[in-house]
Amino acid sequence: MHQALSTLAAAHPLIDIDLTVVVQFVLFVILLVVANSLLFKPYLQLRERRKAGIEGARAEAERMTATADSKLADYDKQLGAARNRANEEGRKVRAEAAAHEKDTTDKARAAAQKSIDEATSKMRAEAEAARLQLLPQANALAKQIASKLLGREVA
C-alpha cells in the first residue's frame, strides 16, 4: 500500500502551477478591489466619522465642564461678596441699634437722676420746714412725753 501511494504521488504533484494560478490571482485582485470599495473603505470611513463624533462630543463636554466650573466659581465669588455685604449691613444695623440703645439709656438715666435729685431736694426742704415748724414746740412736747413716762410733772 505504501508503494501504491508513493507511485501515485510521484506521478501527480500536489500543486500544479499552470494557467489557473493566474486566473485565481486575477479573481483575488478583482475581489480585493470590489471588497475594498464596497466594504472596507465605507467601514473605515464610518469608524473615522464615529471617532471624530466621539472626540467632538468629548471636547464639547470638556468645554461645557470648563464653562460650568467658571460659572460656579463666579457664582461662589458673587455669593461671598453678597454675604460680606450682608454681614457689613448687619454690623452697621447692630452698631446703630447699640448707639440708639446707649442714647436712650443715657437719656433715661439722666431723667431718673434729675427726678431723684428733685425728690431729694424736695425731701430736704420739707424736712427743714418740718424741723423749723416743730422746733418751737419741741420743748413743750418733750415735757409732755417725760411727764407721761415718769407719771409726774417735769419742770
C-alpha atoms as a PDB file:
ATOM      1  CA  MET A   1       0.000   0.000   0.000  1.00  0.00           C
ATOM      2  CA  HIS A   2       2.827   2.261   0.696  1.00  0.00           C
ATOM      3  CA  GLN A   3       4.246   1.606  -2.591  1.00  0.00           C
ATOM      4  CA  ALA A   4       0.985   2.403  -4.363  1.00  0.00           C
ATOM      5  CA  LEU A   5       0.714   5.767  -2.667  1.00  0.00           C
ATOM      6  CA  SER A   6       4.280   6.738  -3.424  1.00  0.00           C
ATOM      7  CA  THR A   7       3.809   5.820  -7.094  1.00  0.00           C
ATOM      8  CA  LEU A   8       0.639   7.866  -7.271  1.00  0.00           C
ATOM      9  CA  ALA A   9       2.323  10.855  -5.598  1.00  0.00           C
ATOM     10  CA  ALA A  10       5.296  10.707  -7.925  1.00  0.00           C
ATOM     11  CA  ALA A  11       3.088  10.750 -10.991  1.00  0.00           C
ATOM     12  CA  HIS A  12       0.961  13.718  -9.982  1.00  0.00           C
ATOM     13  CA  PRO A  13       2.399  16.561  -7.953  1.00  0.00           C
ATOM     14  CA  LEU A  14       0.258  18.027  -5.111  1.00  0.00           C
ATOM     15  CA  ILE A  15       0.198  21.566  -6.565  1.00  0.00           C
ATOM     16  CA  ASP A  16       0.147  22.123 -10.283  1.00  0.00           C
ATOM     17  CA  ILE A  17       1.341  25.565 -11.261  1.00  0.00           C
ATOM     18  CA  ASP A  18      -0.366  26.389 -14.501  1.00  0.00           C
ATOM     19  CA  LEU A  19      -2.695  28.975 -16.013  1.00  0.00           C
ATOM     20  CA  THR A  20      -5.323  28.521 -13.253  1.00  0.00           C
ATOM     21  CA  VAL A  21      -2.996  30.181 -10.763  1.00  0.00           C
ATOM     22  CA  VAL A  22      -3.050  33.326 -12.864  1.00  0.00           C
ATOM     23  CA  VAL A  23      -6.858  33.183 -13.137  1.00  0.00           C
ATOM     24  CA  GLN A  24      -7.157  32.685  -9.377  1.00  0.00           C
ATOM     25  CA  PHE A  25      -4.814  35.613  -8.769  1.00  0.00           C
ATOM     26  CA  VAL A  26      -6.819  37.865 -11.128  1.00  0.00           C
ATOM     27  CA  LEU A  27     -10.061  36.821  -9.373  1.00  0.00           C
ATOM     28  CA  PHE A  28      -8.454  37.538  -5.991  1.00  0.00           C
ATOM     29  CA  VAL A  29      -7.374  41.032  -7.128  1.00  0.00           C
ATOM     30  CA  ILE A  30     -10.866  41.763  -8.533  1.00  0.00           C
ATOM     31  CA  LEU A  31     -12.456  40.559  -5.273  1.00  0.00           C
ATOM     32  CA  LEU A  32      -9.982  42.660  -3.308  1.00  0.00           C
ATOM     33  CA  VAL A  33     -10.794  45.810  -5.329  1.00  0.00           C
ATOM     34  CA  VAL A  34     -14.558  45.238  -5.070  1.00  0.00           C
ATOM     35  CA  ALA A  35     -14.432  44.381  -1.348  1.00  0.00           C
ATOM     36  CA  ASN A  36     -12.179  47.355  -0.690  1.00  0.00           C
ATOM     37  CA  SER A  37     -14.501  49.828  -2.417  1.00  0.00           C
ATOM     38  CA  LEU A  38     -17.788  48.319  -1.180  1.00  0.00           C
ATOM     39  CA  LEU A  39     -16.847  47.011   2.263  1.00  0.00           C
ATOM     40  CA  PHE A  40     -13.547  48.130   3.769  1.00  0.00           C
ATOM     41  CA  LYS A  41     -13.495  51.822   2.775  1.00  0.00           C
ATOM     42  CA  PRO A  42     -17.104  52.518   3.925  1.00  0.00           C
ATOM     43  CA  TYR A  43     -16.456  50.661   7.165  1.00  0.00           C
ATOM     44  CA  LEU A  44     -13.231  52.592   7.830  1.00  0.00           C
ATOM     45  CA  GLN A  45     -14.933  55.905   6.939  1.00  0.00           C
ATOM     46  CA  LEU A  46     -17.764  55.057   9.323  1.00  0.00           C
ATOM     47  CA  ARG A  47     -15.253  54.344  12.085  1.00  0.00           C
ATOM     48  CA  GLU A  48     -13.448  57.631  11.404  1.00  0.00           C
ATOM     49  CA  ARG A  49     -16.730  59.606  11.492  1.00  0.00           C
ATOM     50  CA  ARG A  50     -17.711  57.851  14.700  1.00  0.00           C
ATOM     51  CA  LYS A  51     -14.313  58.533  16.251  1.00  0.00           C
ATOM     52  CA  ALA A  52     -14.493  62.196  15.163  1.00  0.00           C
ATOM     53  CA  GLY A  53     -18.019  62.445  16.602  1.00  0.00           C
ATOM     54  CA  ILE A  54     -16.911  60.931  19.887  1.00  0.00           C
ATOM     55  CA  GLU A  55     -13.867  63.203  20.072  1.00  0.00           C
ATOM     56  CA  GLY A  56     -16.044  66.221  19.208  1.00  0.00           C
ATOM     57  CA  ALA A  57     -18.566  65.267  21.865  1.00  0.00           C
ATOM     58  CA  ARG A  58     -15.759  64.746  24.381  1.00  0.00           C
ATOM     59  CA  ALA A  59     -14.258  68.151  23.528  1.00  0.00           C
ATOM     60  CA  GLU A  60     -17.712  69.761  23.796  1.00  0.00           C
ATOM     61  CA  ALA A  61     -18.262  68.067  27.168  1.00  0.00           C
ATOM     62  CA  GLU A  62     -14.879  69.320  28.397  1.00  0.00           C
ATOM     63  CA  ARG A  63     -15.688  72.828  27.152  1.00  0.00           C
ATOM     64  CA  MET A  64     -19.091  72.714  28.861  1.00  0.00           C
ATOM     65  CA  THR A  65     -17.494  71.419  32.072  1.00  0.00           C
ATOM     66  CA  ALA A  66     -14.951  74.240  31.993  1.00  0.00           C
ATOM     67  CA  THR A  67     -17.754  76.775  31.380  1.00  0.00           C
ATOM     68  CA  ALA A  68     -19.803  75.306  34.234  1.00  0.00           C
ATOM     69  CA  ASP A  69     -16.784  75.404  36.552  1.00  0.00           C
ATOM     70  CA  SER A  70     -16.153  79.007  35.572  1.00  0.00           C
ATOM     71  CA  LYS A  71     -19.781  79.958  36.190  1.00  0.00           C
ATOM     72  CA  LEU A  72     -19.762  78.095  39.511  1.00  0.00           C
ATOM     73  CA  ALA A  73     -16.620  79.933  40.603  1.00  0.00           C
ATOM     74  CA  ASP A  74     -18.199  83.244  39.555  1.00  0.00           C
ATOM     75  CA  TYR A  75     -21.381  82.342  41.445  1.00  0.00           C
ATOM     76  CA  ASP A  76     -19.373  81.446  44.558  1.00  0.00           C
ATOM     77  CA  LYS A  77     -17.493  84.743  44.264  1.00  0.00           C
ATOM     78  CA  GLN A  78     -20.736  86.723  43.950  1.00  0.00           C
ATOM     79  CA  LEU A  79     -22.294  84.766  46.806  1.00  0.00           C
ATOM     80  CA  GLY A  80     -19.275  85.517  49.009  1.00  0.00           C
ATOM     81  CA  ALA A  81     -19.476  89.219  48.136  1.00  0.00           C
ATOM     82  CA  ALA A  82     -23.209  89.240  48.927  1.00  0.00           C
ATOM     83  CA  ARG A  83     -22.547  87.519  52.265  1.00  0.00           C
ATOM     84  CA  ASN A  84     -19.865  90.082  53.082  1.00  0.00           C
ATOM     85  CA  ARG A  85     -22.254  92.944  52.215  1.00  0.00           C
ATOM     86  CA  ALA A  86     -24.993  91.349  54.330  1.00  0.00           C
ATOM     87  CA  ASN A  87     -22.594  90.885  57.248  1.00  0.00           C
ATOM     88  CA  GLU A  88     -21.442  94.504  56.918  1.00  0.00           C
ATOM     89  CA  GLU A  89     -25.057  95.734  56.841  1.00  0.00           C
ATOM     90  CA  GLY A  90     -25.797  93.602  59.911  1.00  0.00           C
ATOM     91  CA  ARG A  91     -22.820  95.120  61.716  1.00  0.00           C
ATOM     92  CA  LYS A  92     -23.990  98.622  60.797  1.00  0.00           C
ATOM     93  CA  VAL A  93     -27.526  97.921  61.994  1.00  0.00           C
ATOM     94  CA  ARG A  94     -26.223  96.424  65.253  1.00  0.00           C
ATOM     95  CA  ALA A  95     -23.905  99.412  65.772  1.00  0.00           C
ATOM     96  CA  GLU A  96     -26.769 101.848  65.124  1.00  0.00           C
ATOM     97  CA  ALA A  97     -29.029  99.884  67.492  1.00  0.00           C
ATOM     98  CA  ALA A  98     -26.324  99.886  70.172  1.00  0.00           C
ATOM     99  CA  ALA A  99     -25.834 103.652  69.743  1.00  0.00           C
ATOM    100  CA  HIS A 100     -29.602 104.236  69.909  1.00  0.00           C
ATOM    101  CA  GLU A 101     -29.840 102.000  72.977  1.00  0.00           C
ATOM    102  CA  LYS A 102     -26.964 103.854  74.664  1.00  0.00           C
ATOM    103  CA  ASP A 103     -28.521 107.222  73.811  1.00  0.00           C
ATOM    104  CA  THR A 104     -31.934 106.144  75.121  1.00  0.00           C
ATOM    105  CA  THR A 105     -30.389 104.639  78.257  1.00  0.00           C
ATOM    106  CA  ASP A 106     -28.339 107.787  78.884  1.00  0.00           C
ATOM    107  CA  LYS A 107     -31.435 109.983  78.491  1.00  0.00           C
ATOM    108  CA  ALA A 108     -33.458 107.736  80.810  1.00  0.00           C
ATOM    109  CA  ARG A 109     -30.608 107.661  83.316  1.00  0.00           C
ATOM    110  CA  ALA A 110     -30.324 111.463  83.192  1.00  0.00           C
ATOM    111  CA  ALA A 111     -34.098 111.847  83.635  1.00  0.00           C
ATOM    112  CA  ALA A 112     -34.088 109.388  86.550  1.00  0.00           C
ATOM    113  CA  GLN A 113     -31.148 111.164  88.170  1.00  0.00           C
ATOM    114  CA  LYS A 114     -32.932 114.521  87.739  1.00  0.00           C
ATOM    115  CA  SER A 115     -36.078 113.062  89.353  1.00  0.00           C
ATOM    116  CA  ILE A 116     -34.005 111.634  92.206  1.00  0.00           C
ATOM    117  CA  ASP A 117     -32.239 114.961  92.698  1.00  0.00           C
ATOM    118  CA  GLU A 118     -35.552 116.853  92.663  1.00  0.00           C
ATOM    119  CA  ALA A 119     -37.113 114.388  95.126  1.00  0.00           C
ATOM    120  CA  THR A 120     -34.072 114.570  97.413  1.00  0.00           C
ATOM    121  CA  SER A 121     -34.089 118.338  97.327  1.00  0.00           C
ATOM    122  CA  LYS A 122     -37.867 118.473  97.965  1.00  0.00           C
ATOM    123  CA  MET A 123     -37.498 115.978 100.819  1.00  0.00           C
ATOM    124  CA  ARG A 124     -34.718 118.051 102.410  1.00  0.00           C
ATOM    125  CA  ALA A 125     -36.765 121.211 102.031  1.00  0.00           C
ATOM    126  CA  GLU A 126     -39.811 119.571 103.621  1.00  0.00           C
ATOM    127  CA  ALA A 127     -37.691 118.072 106.399  1.00  0.00           C
ATOM    128  CA  GLU A 128     -36.164 121.514 107.081  1.00  0.00           C
ATOM    129  CA  ALA A 129     -39.613 123.138 107.052  1.00  0.00           C
ATOM    130  CA  ALA A 130     -40.941 120.486 109.432  1.00  0.00           C
ATOM    131  CA  ARG A 131     -37.905 120.943 111.681  1.00  0.00           C
ATOM    132  CA  LEU A 132     -38.397 124.714 111.764  1.00  0.00           C
ATOM    133  CA  GLN A 133     -42.087 124.258 112.478  1.00  0.00           C
ATOM    134  CA  LEU A 134     -41.599 121.641 115.191  1.00  0.00           C
ATOM    135  CA  LEU A 135     -38.510 123.196 116.845  1.00  0.00           C
ATOM    136  CA  PRO A 136     -40.520 125.745 118.897  1.00  0.00           C
ATOM    137  CA  GLN A 137     -42.865 123.009 120.017  1.00  0.00           C
ATOM    138  CA  ALA A 138     -40.083 120.530 120.784  1.00  0.00           C
ATOM    139  CA  ASN A 139     -39.561 121.650 124.406  1.00  0.00           C
ATOM    140  CA  ALA A 140     -43.275 121.507 125.187  1.00  0.00           C
ATOM    141  CA  LEU A 141     -43.624 118.060 123.583  1.00  0.00           C
ATOM    142  CA  ALA A 142     -40.546 116.787 125.401  1.00  0.00           C
ATOM    143  CA  LYS A 143     -42.033 117.882 128.729  1.00  0.00           C
ATOM    144  CA  GLN A 144     -45.336 116.173 127.935  1.00  0.00           C
ATOM    145  CA  ILE A 145     -43.645 112.925 126.942  1.00  0.00           C
ATOM    146  CA  ALA A 146     -41.391 112.941 130.000  1.00  0.00           C
ATOM    147  CA  SER A 147     -44.360 113.643 132.270  1.00  0.00           C
ATOM    148  CA  LYS A 148     -46.345 110.750 130.849  1.00  0.00           C
ATOM    149  CA  LEU A 149     -43.406 108.409 131.125  1.00  0.00           C
ATOM    150  CA  LEU A 150     -42.457 109.416 134.619  1.00  0.00           C
ATOM    151  CA  GLY A 151     -46.036 109.872 135.809  1.00  0.00           C
ATOM    152  CA  ARG A 152     -45.324 113.270 137.341  1.00  0.00           C
ATOM    153  CA  GLU A 153     -44.844 116.813 136.213  1.00  0.00           C
ATOM    154  CA  VAL A 154     -41.407 117.733 134.826  1.00  0.00           C
ATOM    155  CA  ALA A 155     -40.103 121.260 135.017  1.00  0.00           C
END
